[in-house]
Amino acid sequence: MNTAAVIAFLVVTSLYLEFEFKGLLVTEATRDLETRANLVSDNLALSPDSEVQEAVAGAARASGTRVTLINRSGTVRADSEAIADEMDDHSTRPEVIKALETGVGTSERYSNTRHLDFIYVAVTDPQNPQADIVRVALPMRQMTTRLEVVRSTIFITVGVLFIAGLALSFVLAQYIVRPIEIVRSAAQELAKGNLEVKVEMNRRDEFGQLVDAFNSMGREMQNRVGQLEDNRREMSTIMDNMAEGLLLVDSGGGVILANRAAEALLITGDKSLIGRPLWETVRLPEVDELLSSLPNLDEPRRIWVEDRTQGTQRRVLGFVATPLFETAKGEKHAVLLISDATEDQKLLEMRQDFVANVSHELKTPLTSISAYVETLLDGAADDESVRVPFLKKIQTNSTRLSKLVSDILNLSRLESGTGDESRQLLDLNELATSCADRHRETATNKDVALTVHKSGQPVIALVNEEDMTEAVDNLIVNAISYTPSGGTVDVRIRRTDLGLLLEVEDTGCGIPEEALSRVFERFYRVDKARSRALGGTGLGLAIVKHVAIKHGGKVDAESEVGKGSKFRISLPAPQPQAQRG
């Protein structure tokens, strides 16, 4: 194939050179004929009309060309090789037309008079309407002879070049083709994924530069692939460690990508979500409807679904679907985020219950106050036997209403984390003693023995004094309120290996086991009638719970109906540096 290309190149080159040389010969001959024509025109201008034929013949012999004299209308007046009267009109000859326009006209064509190919050059003075046209002609065969000599020379040269080229190409093939084969083989290995491939070649020419560029490309590809692999691993790690489930689905709901959280939330077991329609795994009508709506989504859509497929345990799943987007391959995909919204739903329901309970708890004392006031305004105010009990009732309900509002504000402050966050190191022995002393009179009046059992050594805690005092107050008040006459309330403080403990134990009526897990809920009462009769708001234990959580601790309870209850606040021990401070 290479030899054929060389031959074709040489042939084309030979033809081109011949064409160009022929053009040069024609151009040279044309300029020469133009010069001769001008000399002949000058000589003929001096000859009288009666001697024009002899003058034309003499000019032809002197110039070595055929000479023709033509007037402005195209009639031949004299010709060195033909009878003028027998020659046809020359006004349409190309060289004559051009000479009349510009002063010089040339043409290459066949002569009907001499039956040969000629080069014609005609000259005249275009500004002189009386000037004749002098035309000289030279047969093309004179140039053909010279062209044959040149053609032979070219062919001999091309032949020598061809033989030399074959020898040189054989040598160069070993010098050029071999490196190309090496690079091609390495490129194929690179295409197969072997990024370690490297070309070894000690050359400083263009092939050396090509090899350096190839090796640089291989290293760059290796770096890029390494970066992509690192990014893929990082993305995979992020996805697998997301708390929310992530699914990539097509327009038909088929799962293309899923992380571990998604499979855990959807409880797929050993089956993989990938490659299967989502409806095969999640048999929930709401999810089917969400998948069906994907083609029509203009913005993300969120739904909450109660999962009823996992037995009696209640689960609420949140699904967020994005609108379909087009990938680089033109496919339509969407992203689904899945989260366990069970706790969020519980909190929402708790808020709703809280609002309802607050409304109810506020409405009850307000209704009582309003009723007593209306009764007094209707005339009962003049009856002292009625007025005094009613005013005491109004006072009791006002106090209860004030306590309820205060507890609600405190609970809201604790939940939101606002307010005074300052803490100090306090001895829980002293804090518990101070709280007990404030309620000792109430306990004595009810014939309840209130005792504080201090630890043998200081039990230092880093706490907000106001919040912790309110929590201990609530526990002591509850214990006294629910302990009958002759009972006991014991407050104990001690340090353990796990932290600090403050316990309030009573010998009261106790709490049923089924209610024990709910006593720290807002407005929850085991005995609603008795709790209201004792003046409780239903928020005291909820405040205790949030105070403990705020201080990094917890609260729990133990109880047995008829034998009493024990409430325990567990707090972390402060760090040594905090104690030193």
Protein backbone atom coordinates (compact mmCIF):
# COMPACT_ATOMS: atom_id res chain seq x y z
CA MET A 1 0.00 0.00 0.00
CA ASN A 2 2.88 2.37 0.84
CA THR A 3 4.61 1.56 -2.50
CA ALA A 4 1.41 2.24 -4.41
CA ALA A 5 1.09 5.55 -2.61
CA VAL A 6 4.65 6.48 -3.57
CA ILE A 7 4.04 5.52 -7.23
CA ALA A 8 0.83 7.50 -7.30
CA PHE A 9 2.63 10.46 -5.79
CA LEU A 10 5.44 10.33 -8.33
CA VAL A 11 3.04 9.99 -11.27
CA VAL A 12 0.96 12.90 -10.07
CA THR A 13 4.12 14.90 -9.51
CA SER A 14 5.38 14.08 -13.03
CA LEU A 15 2.11 15.12 -14.61
CA TYR A 16 2.05 18.27 -12.55
CA LEU A 17 5.62 19.17 -13.51
CA GLU A 18 4.86 18.51 -17.18
CA PHE A 19 1.74 20.65 -16.98
CA GLU A 20 3.61 23.46 -15.23
CA PHE A 21 6.55 23.30 -17.69
CA LYS A 22 4.17 23.33 -20.63
CA GLY A 23 2.54 26.39 -19.13
CA LEU A 24 5.92 28.04 -18.73
CA LEU A 25 6.80 27.25 -22.36
CA VAL A 26 3.51 28.69 -23.58
CA THR A 27 3.96 31.79 -21.44
CA GLU A 28 7.52 32.26 -22.64
CA ALA A 29 6.51 31.72 -26.26
CA THR A 30 3.61 34.16 -25.89
CA ARG A 31 5.88 36.91 -24.53
CA ASP A 32 8.39 36.24 -27.31
CA LEU A 33 5.67 36.39 -29.96
CA GLU A 34 4.35 39.64 -28.48
CA THR A 35 7.83 41.17 -28.84
CA ARG A 36 8.12 39.95 -32.44
CA ALA A 37 4.63 41.23 -33.22
CA ASN A 38 5.51 44.69 -31.98
CA LEU A 39 8.71 44.72 -34.10
CA VAL A 40 6.76 43.56 -37.17
CA SER A 41 4.09 46.22 -36.48
CA ASP A 42 6.76 48.92 -36.36
CA ASN A 43 8.33 47.73 -39.63
CA LEU A 44 4.99 47.42 -41.46
CA ALA A 45 3.96 50.91 -40.39
CA LEU A 46 6.79 52.27 -42.55
CA SER A 47 5.82 50.24 -45.67
CA PRO A 48 3.53 51.74 -48.41
CA ASP A 49 0.20 49.99 -49.14
CA SER A 50 1.42 48.77 -52.54
CA GLU A 51 4.23 46.81 -51.00
CA VAL A 52 2.36 45.44 -47.98
CA GLN A 53 2.39 41.81 -49.15
CA GLU A 54 6.16 41.85 -49.71
CA ALA A 55 6.66 43.60 -46.38
CA VAL A 56 4.56 40.92 -44.56
CA ALA A 57 6.56 38.14 -46.23
CA GLY A 58 9.85 39.81 -45.32
CA ALA A 59 8.72 40.32 -41.69
CA ALA A 60 7.74 36.63 -41.48
CA ARG A 61 11.18 35.53 -42.68
CA ALA A 62 12.90 37.92 -40.32
CA SER A 63 10.82 36.92 -37.25
CA GLY A 64 10.60 33.21 -38.07
CA THR A 65 6.79 33.30 -37.63
CA ARG A 66 3.67 33.43 -39.68
CA VAL A 67 2.56 37.07 -40.05
CA THR A 68 -0.96 38.25 -40.86
CA LEU A 69 -2.07 41.88 -41.38
CA ILE A 70 -5.74 42.56 -40.58
CA ASN A 71 -7.65 45.81 -40.80
CA ARG A 72 -10.01 47.05 -38.07
CA SER A 73 -13.07 45.47 -39.69
CA GLY A 74 -11.52 41.96 -39.67
CA THR A 75 -10.52 41.73 -43.36
CA VAL A 76 -7.13 40.13 -43.98
CA ARG A 77 -4.95 42.52 -45.99
CA ALA A 78 -1.90 40.24 -46.27
CA ASP A 79 -0.62 36.88 -44.90
CA SER A 80 2.85 35.38 -45.17
CA GLU A 81 1.58 31.82 -45.78
CA ALA A 82 -1.83 32.23 -47.50
CA ILE A 83 -3.65 34.33 -50.12
CA ALA A 84 -5.40 37.17 -48.30
CA ASP A 85 -8.42 37.29 -50.61
CA GLU A 86 -9.19 33.63 -49.92
CA MET A 87 -9.11 34.00 -46.14
CA ASP A 88 -12.35 34.53 -44.23
CA ASP A 89 -13.32 37.36 -41.90
CA HIS A 90 -11.02 37.49 -38.81
CA SER A 91 -13.07 39.92 -36.71
CA THR A 92 -14.35 37.03 -34.54
CA ARG A 93 -10.92 35.65 -33.75
CA PRO A 94 -10.29 35.79 -29.95
CA GLU A 95 -6.85 37.35 -30.29
CA VAL A 96 -8.23 40.02 -32.66
CA ILE A 97 -11.10 40.93 -30.34
CA LYS A 98 -8.78 41.16 -27.35
CA ALA A 99 -6.21 43.26 -29.27
CA LEU A 100 -8.90 45.76 -30.25
CA GLU A 101 -9.88 46.07 -26.58
CA THR A 102 -6.49 46.14 -24.83
CA GLY A 103 -3.84 46.39 -27.54
CA VAL A 104 -2.64 42.76 -27.14
CA GLY A 105 -4.53 39.52 -27.67
CA THR A 106 -3.39 35.89 -27.42
CA SER A 107 -4.98 32.58 -28.32
CA GLU A 108 -4.15 28.87 -28.72
CA ARG A 109 -6.24 27.04 -31.31
CA TYR A 110 -6.37 25.03 -34.52
CA SER A 111 -5.76 26.81 -37.82
CA ASN A 112 -8.18 25.90 -40.60
CA THR A 113 -5.81 27.39 -43.12
CA ARG A 114 -2.67 25.45 -42.17
CA HIS A 115 -4.40 22.57 -40.40
CA LEU A 116 -2.06 22.87 -37.39
CA ASP A 117 -2.26 24.03 -33.77
CA PHE A 118 -0.86 27.57 -33.41
CA ILE A 119 -0.17 30.12 -30.71
CA TYR A 120 -1.48 33.48 -31.94
CA VAL A 121 -0.49 36.93 -30.66
CA ALA A 122 -2.17 40.03 -32.15
CA VAL A 123 -1.14 43.66 -31.41
CA THR A 124 -2.52 47.05 -32.40
CA ASP A 125 -2.97 50.56 -31.10
CA PRO A 126 -6.49 50.59 -29.60
CA GLN A 127 -6.46 54.41 -29.50
CA ASN A 128 -5.77 54.75 -33.27
CA PRO A 129 -8.85 53.83 -35.34
CA GLN A 130 -6.69 53.75 -38.50
CA ALA A 131 -4.14 51.27 -37.13
CA ASP A 132 -4.16 47.75 -38.57
CA ILE A 133 -3.85 44.61 -36.47
CA VAL A 134 -0.61 42.65 -36.80
CA ARG A 135 -0.86 38.99 -35.84
CA VAL A 136 2.06 36.60 -35.55
CA ALA A 137 1.70 32.83 -35.06
CA LEU A 138 3.98 29.95 -34.12
CA PRO A 139 3.15 26.25 -34.56
CA MET A 140 2.66 24.34 -31.28
CA ARG A 141 4.83 21.46 -32.57
CA GLN A 142 7.95 23.50 -31.91
CA MET A 143 7.08 23.59 -28.21
CA THR A 144 6.01 19.94 -28.31
CA THR A 145 9.54 18.95 -29.33
CA ARG A 146 11.00 20.84 -26.39
CA LEU A 147 8.31 19.38 -24.14
CA GLU A 148 9.23 15.82 -25.20
CA VAL A 149 12.80 16.41 -24.10
CA VAL A 150 11.60 17.75 -20.74
CA ARG A 151 9.14 14.85 -20.34
CA SER A 152 11.93 12.32 -20.88
CA THR A 153 14.09 14.09 -18.35
CA ILE A 154 11.23 14.11 -15.83
CA PHE A 155 10.48 10.39 -16.31
CA ILE A 156 14.15 9.48 -15.87
CA THR A 157 14.33 11.62 -12.74
CA VAL A 158 11.09 10.13 -11.37
CA GLY A 159 12.39 6.62 -12.01
CA VAL A 160 15.60 7.34 -10.13
CA LEU A 161 13.63 8.95 -7.31
CA PHE A 162 11.26 5.98 -7.18
CA ILE A 163 14.11 3.49 -6.80
CA ALA A 164 15.80 5.69 -4.22
CA GLY A 165 12.46 6.18 -2.46
CA LEU A 166 11.83 2.44 -2.21
CA ALA A 167 15.21 1.93 -0.60
CA LEU A 168 14.72 4.88 1.71
CA SER A 169 11.16 3.84 2.62
CA PHE A 170 12.39 0.38 3.60
CA VAL A 171 14.95 1.94 5.93
CA LEU A 172 12.52 4.49 7.29
CA ALA A 173 9.85 1.83 7.81
CA GLN A 174 12.10 0.11 10.28
CA TYR A 175 12.77 3.44 11.95
CA ILE A 176 9.17 4.76 11.96
CA VAL A 177 6.73 1.87 11.75
CA ARG A 178 8.27 -0.08 14.61
CA PRO A 179 7.71 2.72 17.15
CA ILE A 180 4.19 3.16 15.83
CA GLU A 181 3.48 -0.53 16.41
CA ILE A 182 4.84 -0.26 19.94
CA VAL A 183 2.64 2.75 20.71
CA ARG A 184 -0.39 1.11 19.07
CA SER A 185 0.07 -2.03 21.17
CA ALA A 186 0.38 0.07 24.34
CA ALA A 187 -2.74 2.05 23.39
CA GLN A 188 -4.69 -1.20 23.03
CA GLU A 189 -3.56 -2.28 26.50
CA LEU A 190 -4.58 1.10 27.84
CA ALA A 191 -7.99 0.74 26.22
CA LYS A 192 -8.41 -2.64 27.95
CA GLY A 193 -7.95 -0.95 31.33
CA ASN A 194 -4.27 -1.67 31.96
CA LEU A 195 -3.35 1.78 33.25
CA GLU A 196 0.10 0.61 34.33
CA VAL A 197 1.29 0.24 30.71
CA LYS A 198 4.29 2.39 29.78
CA VAL A 199 6.29 2.79 26.55
CA GLU A 200 10.06 2.76 26.88
CA MET A 201 11.80 4.53 23.96
CA ASN A 202 15.01 6.59 24.00
CA ARG A 203 14.43 8.98 21.12
CA ARG A 204 14.55 12.76 20.99
CA ASP A 205 12.57 13.28 17.77
CA GLU A 206 8.83 13.64 17.28
CA PHE A 207 8.30 9.97 18.19
CA GLY A 208 10.10 10.60 21.46
CA GLN A 209 7.72 13.50 22.12
CA LEU A 210 4.78 11.28 21.17
CA VAL A 211 5.94 8.57 23.58
CA ASP A 212 6.38 11.14 26.36
CA ALA A 213 2.90 12.47 25.65
CA PHE A 214 1.48 8.92 25.67
CA ASN A 215 3.13 8.11 28.99
CA SER A 216 1.91 11.41 30.44
CA MET A 217 -1.59 10.59 29.21
CA GLY A 218 -1.39 7.18 30.90
CA ARG A 219 -0.30 8.74 34.18
CA GLU A 220 -3.03 11.36 33.95
CA MET A 221 -5.64 8.71 33.21
CA GLN A 222 -4.38 6.67 36.15
CA ASN A 223 -4.68 9.74 38.39
CA ARG A 224 -8.14 10.59 37.05
CA VAL A 225 -9.38 7.03 37.45
CA GLY A 226 -7.93 6.98 40.97
CA GLN A 227 -9.74 10.24 41.77
CA LEU A 228 -12.98 8.89 40.32
CA GLU A 229 -12.58 5.71 42.37
CA ASP A 230 -11.90 7.76 45.50
CA ASN A 231 -14.96 9.91 44.76
CA ARG A 232 -17.05 6.80 44.16
CA ARG A 233 -15.91 5.28 47.45
CA GLU A 234 -16.49 8.54 49.27
CA MET A 235 -19.96 8.86 47.76
CA SER A 236 -20.71 5.23 48.54
CA THR A 237 -19.52 5.72 52.14
CA ILE A 238 -21.65 8.84 52.50
CA MET A 239 -24.69 7.08 51.09
CA ASP A 240 -24.22 3.97 53.23
CA ASN A 241 -23.81 6.08 56.38
CA MET A 242 -26.78 8.33 55.74
CA ALA A 243 -29.52 8.08 58.34
CA GLU A 244 -32.09 8.61 55.60
CA GLY A 245 -32.75 6.08 52.91
CA LEU A 246 -31.84 7.09 49.36
CA LEU A 247 -33.24 5.54 46.20
CA LEU A 248 -32.60 6.35 42.55
CA VAL A 249 -35.54 5.18 40.45
CA ASP A 250 -36.46 5.35 36.79
CA SER A 251 -39.69 6.76 35.42
CA GLY A 252 -41.38 3.38 35.86
CA GLY A 253 -40.44 3.05 39.53
CA GLY A 254 -37.59 0.57 39.00
CA VAL A 255 -34.80 0.90 41.57
CA ILE A 256 -31.41 1.77 40.05
CA LEU A 257 -29.52 2.65 43.24
CA ALA A 258 -30.23 2.10 46.95
CA ASN A 259 -28.23 2.66 50.12
CA ARG A 260 -28.22 0.48 53.23
CA ALA A 261 -30.52 2.82 55.15
CA ALA A 262 -33.20 2.45 52.47
CA GLU A 263 -33.03 -1.35 52.61
CA ALA A 264 -33.12 -1.24 56.42
CA LEU A 265 -36.10 1.12 56.53
CA LEU A 266 -38.01 -0.88 53.93
CA ILE A 267 -37.01 -4.18 55.64
CA THR A 268 -36.03 -6.01 52.48
CA GLY A 269 -34.26 -8.86 54.28
CA ASP A 270 -31.81 -10.69 52.02
CA LYS A 271 -33.40 -9.33 48.85
CA SER A 272 -31.82 -6.36 47.12
CA LEU A 273 -33.93 -3.42 45.97
CA ILE A 274 -31.71 -2.74 42.97
CA GLY A 275 -33.03 -3.97 39.63
CA ARG A 276 -36.59 -4.51 40.86
CA PRO A 277 -39.69 -2.30 40.77
CA LEU A 278 -40.20 -0.59 44.13
CA TRP A 279 -43.82 -1.73 44.34
CA GLU A 280 -42.63 -5.34 44.59
CA THR A 281 -40.97 -4.55 47.92
CA VAL A 282 -43.10 -1.72 49.29
CA ARG A 283 -46.71 -2.78 49.00
CA LEU A 284 -48.26 0.50 50.12
CA PRO A 285 -50.88 2.27 47.96
CA GLU A 286 -49.55 5.71 48.89
CA VAL A 287 -46.08 4.82 47.54
CA ASP A 288 -47.58 3.42 44.32
CA GLU A 289 -49.48 6.66 43.86
CA LEU A 290 -46.29 8.69 44.50
CA LEU A 291 -44.39 6.71 41.85
CA SER A 292 -47.23 7.19 39.37
CA SER A 293 -47.09 10.95 39.90
CA LEU A 294 -43.34 11.27 39.11
CA PRO A 295 -43.79 12.29 35.42
CA ASN A 296 -46.09 15.16 36.48
CA LEU A 297 -44.01 16.56 39.36
CA ASP A 298 -42.71 20.12 39.02
CA GLU A 299 -41.26 20.31 42.55
CA PRO A 300 -40.36 17.86 45.32
CA ARG A 301 -43.33 16.10 46.90
CA ARG A 302 -43.46 14.77 50.47
CA ILE A 303 -45.81 12.16 51.86
CA TRP A 304 -46.12 10.29 55.18
CA VAL A 305 -47.15 6.67 55.12
CA GLU A 306 -48.10 4.50 58.08
CA ASP A 307 -46.45 1.14 57.46
CA ARG A 308 -49.01 -1.51 58.33
CA THR A 309 -47.01 -4.43 56.94
CA GLN A 310 -44.78 -5.05 59.98
CA GLY A 311 -47.28 -6.49 62.44
CA THR A 312 -48.56 -4.52 65.42
CA GLN A 313 -45.54 -2.21 65.74
CA ARG A 314 -46.45 1.21 64.44
CA ARG A 315 -44.10 2.80 61.92
CA VAL A 316 -44.48 6.03 59.99
CA LEU A 317 -42.25 6.50 56.94
CA GLY A 318 -41.64 9.80 55.21
CA PHE A 319 -41.04 9.81 51.43
CA VAL A 320 -39.69 12.81 49.47
CA ALA A 321 -39.69 12.46 45.67
CA THR A 322 -37.91 14.85 43.31
CA PRO A 323 -39.13 15.62 39.77
CA LEU A 324 -37.70 13.46 37.00
CA PHE A 325 -34.37 14.67 35.61
CA GLU A 326 -32.58 13.62 32.41
CA THR A 327 -29.22 11.86 32.61
CA ALA A 328 -26.36 12.15 30.10
CA LYS A 329 -27.74 9.05 28.34
CA GLY A 330 -31.17 10.64 27.98
CA GLU A 331 -32.83 8.47 30.64
CA LYS A 332 -35.37 9.84 33.10
CA HIS A 333 -34.54 9.32 36.79
CA ALA A 334 -35.84 10.59 40.13
CA VAL A 335 -34.50 10.57 43.69
CA LEU A 336 -36.50 9.26 46.65
CA LEU A 337 -35.49 10.08 50.22
CA ILE A 338 -36.94 7.84 52.93
CA SER A 339 -36.91 8.59 56.66
CA ASP A 340 -38.38 7.04 59.78
CA ALA A 341 -40.95 9.65 60.81
CA THR A 342 -42.38 7.61 63.67
CA GLU A 343 -40.89 9.82 66.37
CA ASP A 344 -41.74 12.97 64.43
CA GLN A 345 -45.32 11.77 64.17
CA LYS A 346 -45.37 11.03 67.89
CA LEU A 347 -44.05 14.52 68.62
CA LEU A 348 -46.68 16.01 66.33
CA GLU A 349 -49.39 14.07 68.11
CA MET A 350 -47.91 15.08 71.47
CA ARG A 351 -48.03 18.73 70.42
CA GLN A 352 -51.62 18.34 69.35
CA ASP A 353 -52.45 16.61 72.63
CA PHE A 354 -50.54 19.30 74.51
CA VAL A 355 -52.55 22.08 72.87
CA ALA A 356 -55.78 20.21 73.60
CA ASN A 357 -54.76 19.51 77.20
CA VAL A 358 -53.63 23.08 77.81
CA SER A 359 -56.92 24.36 76.44
CA HIS A 360 -58.81 21.97 78.69
CA GLU A 361 -56.71 22.67 81.78
CA LEU A 362 -57.03 26.43 81.32
CA LYS A 363 -60.71 26.24 80.52
CA THR A 364 -61.63 24.35 83.71
CA PRO A 365 -60.42 26.94 86.30
CA LEU A 366 -61.51 29.83 84.08
CA THR A 367 -65.00 28.36 83.79
CA SER A 368 -65.16 27.91 87.57
CA ILE A 369 -63.97 31.45 88.22
CA SER A 370 -66.45 32.83 85.69
CA ALA A 371 -69.32 30.87 87.25
CA TYR A 372 -68.48 32.01 90.79
CA VAL A 373 -68.12 35.63 89.68
CA GLU A 374 -71.46 35.57 87.84
CA THR A 375 -73.13 34.07 90.92
CA LEU A 376 -71.69 36.80 93.13
CA LEU A 377 -72.69 39.51 90.67
CA ASP A 378 -76.23 38.16 90.57
CA GLY A 379 -76.64 39.04 94.29
CA ALA A 380 -74.80 36.33 96.20
CA ALA A 381 -72.10 38.87 97.07
CA ASP A 382 -74.37 40.29 99.78
CA ASP A 383 -74.66 36.90 101.50
CA GLU A 384 -71.50 36.42 103.57
CA SER A 385 -72.14 32.69 103.98
CA VAL A 386 -71.98 32.37 100.19
CA ARG A 387 -69.51 35.13 99.37
CA VAL A 388 -66.60 33.86 101.49
CA PRO A 389 -66.63 30.21 100.17
CA PHE A 390 -67.01 31.49 96.60
CA LEU A 391 -64.11 33.90 96.94
CA LYS A 392 -61.98 31.08 98.39
CA LYS A 393 -62.96 28.94 95.39
CA ILE A 394 -62.02 31.79 93.07
CA GLN A 395 -58.72 32.18 94.89
CA THR A 396 -58.01 28.43 94.66
CA ASN A 397 -58.73 28.34 90.92
CA SER A 398 -56.69 31.49 90.34
CA THR A 399 -53.76 29.96 92.19
CA ARG A 400 -54.13 26.76 90.22
CA LEU A 401 -54.38 28.77 86.97
CA SER A 402 -51.27 30.75 87.88
CA LYS A 403 -49.37 27.55 88.74
CA LEU A 404 -50.48 25.98 85.47
CA VAL A 405 -49.31 28.95 83.41
CA SER A 406 -46.02 29.02 85.32
CA ASP A 407 -45.44 25.31 84.71
CA ILE A 408 -46.30 25.66 81.01
CA LEU A 409 -43.82 28.53 80.62
CA ASN A 410 -41.12 26.62 82.49
CA LEU A 411 -41.67 23.50 80.40
CA SER A 412 -41.57 25.53 77.19
CA ARG A 413 -38.34 27.18 78.32
CA LEU A 414 -36.73 23.84 79.14
CA GLU A 415 -37.78 22.27 75.82
CA SER A 416 -36.62 25.21 73.72
CA GLY A 417 -33.30 25.57 75.57
CA THR A 418 -33.79 29.32 76.13
CA GLY A 419 -33.46 31.23 79.39
CA ASP A 420 -30.70 31.20 81.95
CA GLU A 421 -28.16 28.54 80.98
CA SER A 422 -25.60 29.42 83.62
CA ARG A 423 -24.47 26.53 85.83
CA GLN A 424 -22.44 26.25 88.99
CA LEU A 425 -20.99 23.58 91.20
CA LEU A 426 -23.48 22.77 93.97
CA ASP A 427 -23.59 20.13 96.69
CA LEU A 428 -26.75 18.08 96.08
CA ASN A 429 -26.86 17.40 99.86
CA GLU A 430 -27.40 21.10 100.51
CA LEU A 431 -29.81 21.59 97.60
CA ALA A 432 -32.01 18.65 98.69
CA THR A 433 -31.97 19.83 102.35
CA SER A 434 -33.02 23.34 101.29
CA CYS A 435 -35.92 21.97 99.23
CA ALA A 436 -37.06 19.65 102.03
CA ASP A 437 -37.01 22.49 104.58
CA ARG A 438 -39.38 24.54 102.40
CA HIS A 439 -41.96 21.73 102.40
CA ARG A 440 -41.41 20.39 105.89
CA GLU A 441 -44.35 22.33 107.35
CA THR A 442 -46.68 20.89 104.70
CA ALA A 443 -45.43 17.40 105.50
CA THR A 444 -45.81 17.96 109.26
CA ASN A 445 -49.36 19.27 108.84
CA LYS A 446 -50.22 16.08 106.92
CA ASP A 447 -48.39 13.90 109.46
CA VAL A 448 -45.86 12.71 106.87
CA ALA A 449 -42.26 12.17 108.00
CA LEU A 450 -39.92 13.98 105.57
CA THR A 451 -36.28 12.88 105.93
CA VAL A 452 -33.14 13.81 103.94
CA HIS A 453 -30.43 11.13 103.91
CA LYS A 454 -27.23 12.97 103.08
CA SER A 455 -24.18 11.33 101.61
CA GLY A 456 -21.17 10.96 103.89
CA GLN A 457 -19.22 13.32 101.62
CA PRO A 458 -20.16 16.27 99.37
CA VAL A 459 -21.93 15.25 96.14
CA ILE A 460 -20.90 18.06 93.80
CA ALA A 461 -22.93 18.56 90.60
CA LEU A 462 -22.60 21.15 87.82
CA VAL A 463 -26.21 22.37 87.57
CA ASN A 464 -28.46 25.34 87.04
CA GLU A 465 -29.62 25.93 90.61
CA GLU A 466 -33.07 27.28 89.71
CA ASP A 467 -33.95 24.40 87.38
CA MET A 468 -32.62 21.67 89.65
CA THR A 469 -34.40 23.19 92.69
CA GLU A 470 -37.70 23.18 90.80
CA ALA A 471 -37.21 19.54 89.80
CA VAL A 472 -36.48 18.41 93.39
CA ASP A 473 -39.37 20.55 94.69
CA ASN A 474 -41.76 18.82 92.28
CA LEU A 475 -40.63 15.36 93.36
CA ILE A 476 -40.97 16.20 97.10
CA VAL A 477 -44.38 17.89 96.64
CA ASN A 478 -45.67 14.91 94.63
CA ALA A 479 -44.39 12.47 97.27
CA ILE A 480 -46.05 14.40 100.13
CA SER A 481 -49.29 14.86 98.15
CA TYR A 482 -49.73 11.16 97.36
CA THR A 483 -48.56 9.81 100.73
CA PRO A 484 -51.32 9.26 103.33
CA SER A 485 -51.10 10.43 106.95
CA GLY A 486 -48.52 8.49 108.94
CA GLY A 487 -46.43 7.75 105.85
CA THR A 488 -42.83 8.67 105.09
CA VAL A 489 -40.94 10.53 102.36
CA ASP A 490 -37.20 9.88 102.12
CA VAL A 491 -34.78 11.93 100.04
CA ARG A 492 -31.42 10.26 99.38
CA ILE A 493 -28.29 11.62 97.73
CA ARG A 494 -25.34 9.45 96.84
CA ARG A 495 -22.45 9.02 94.40
CA THR A 496 -22.00 5.84 92.33
CA ASP A 497 -19.48 4.62 89.80
CA LEU A 498 -21.84 5.77 87.03
CA GLY A 499 -22.51 9.26 88.37
CA LEU A 500 -24.71 11.09 90.87
CA LEU A 501 -28.13 9.99 92.14
CA LEU A 502 -30.93 11.91 93.86
CA GLU A 503 -33.87 9.71 94.94
CA VAL A 504 -37.24 10.61 96.43
CA GLU A 505 -39.08 7.60 97.88
CA ASP A 506 -42.53 7.63 99.47
CA THR A 507 -44.93 5.14 101.03
CA GLY A 508 -47.92 6.45 99.14
CA CYS A 509 -50.58 4.80 96.99
CA GLY A 510 -48.16 3.76 94.25
CA ILE A 511 -48.54 3.73 90.47
CA PRO A 512 -49.91 0.86 88.35
CA GLU A 513 -47.30 -0.82 86.17
CA GLU A 514 -49.09 0.01 82.91
CA ALA A 515 -49.02 3.72 83.82
CA LEU A 516 -45.43 3.84 85.07
CA SER A 517 -43.93 4.47 81.60
CA ARG A 518 -46.25 7.44 80.99
CA VAL A 519 -46.04 9.37 84.24
CA PHE A 520 -43.43 11.76 82.76
CA GLU A 521 -45.74 12.76 79.89
CA ARG A 522 -47.29 16.19 79.99
CA PHE A 523 -50.74 16.32 81.59
CA TYR A 524 -50.75 12.58 82.22
CA ARG A 525 -52.50 11.67 85.48
CA VAL A 526 -52.99 8.22 86.94
CA ASP A 527 -56.02 9.42 88.89
CA LYS A 528 -57.28 12.61 87.26
CA ALA A 529 -59.88 13.47 89.87
CA ARG A 530 -57.51 13.01 92.79
CA SER A 531 -54.71 14.88 91.03
CA ARG A 532 -56.89 17.93 90.43
CA ALA A 533 -58.18 17.76 94.00
CA LEU A 534 -54.59 17.90 95.21
CA GLY A 535 -53.88 20.93 93.05
CA GLY A 536 -51.57 19.26 90.54
CA THR A 537 -51.16 20.62 87.02
CA GLY A 538 -49.99 17.38 85.42
CA LEU A 539 -46.73 19.02 84.32
CA GLY A 540 -44.51 18.52 87.39
CA LEU A 541 -42.93 15.21 86.35
CA ALA A 542 -42.57 16.42 82.75
CA ILE A 543 -40.55 19.37 84.09
CA VAL A 544 -38.41 16.96 86.17
CA LYS A 545 -37.70 14.88 83.05
CA HIS A 546 -36.63 17.87 80.95
CA VAL A 547 -34.43 19.28 83.73
CA ALA A 548 -32.61 15.95 83.96
CA ILE A 549 -32.18 15.76 80.17
CA LYS A 550 -30.97 19.37 80.04
CA HIS A 551 -28.21 18.44 82.50
CA GLY A 552 -27.16 15.39 80.50
CA GLY A 553 -28.92 12.95 82.84
CA LYS A 554 -32.15 11.01 82.98
CA VAL A 555 -35.09 10.27 85.27
CA ASP A 556 -36.82 6.97 86.02
CA ALA A 557 -39.39 5.61 88.44
CA GLU A 558 -40.15 2.44 90.37
CA SER A 559 -43.48 1.79 92.03
CA GLU A 560 -45.77 -0.84 93.50
CA VAL A 561 -49.45 -0.18 94.05
CA GLY A 562 -50.21 0.22 97.77
CA LYS A 563 -46.56 0.30 98.82
CA GLY A 564 -45.23 3.55 97.38
CA SER A 565 -43.02 4.95 94.63
CA LYS A 566 -39.39 5.87 94.06
CA PHE A 567 -38.30 8.57 91.61
CA ARG A 568 -34.65 8.85 90.69
CA ILE A 569 -32.67 11.64 88.96
CA SER A 570 -29.34 10.46 87.53
CA LEU A 571 -26.72 13.10 86.70
CA PRO A 572 -23.21 12.82 85.27
CA ALA A 573 -20.37 13.65 87.65
CA PRO A 574 -18.52 16.86 86.69
CA GLN A 575 -15.08 16.61 85.18
CA PRO A 576 -12.14 17.05 87.58
CA GLN A 577 -11.13 20.36 86.04
CA ALA A 578 -14.67 21.65 86.54
CA GLN A 579 -14.51 20.66 90.20
CA ARG A 580 -11.16 22.45 90.59
CA GLY A 581 -12.58 25.54 88.94
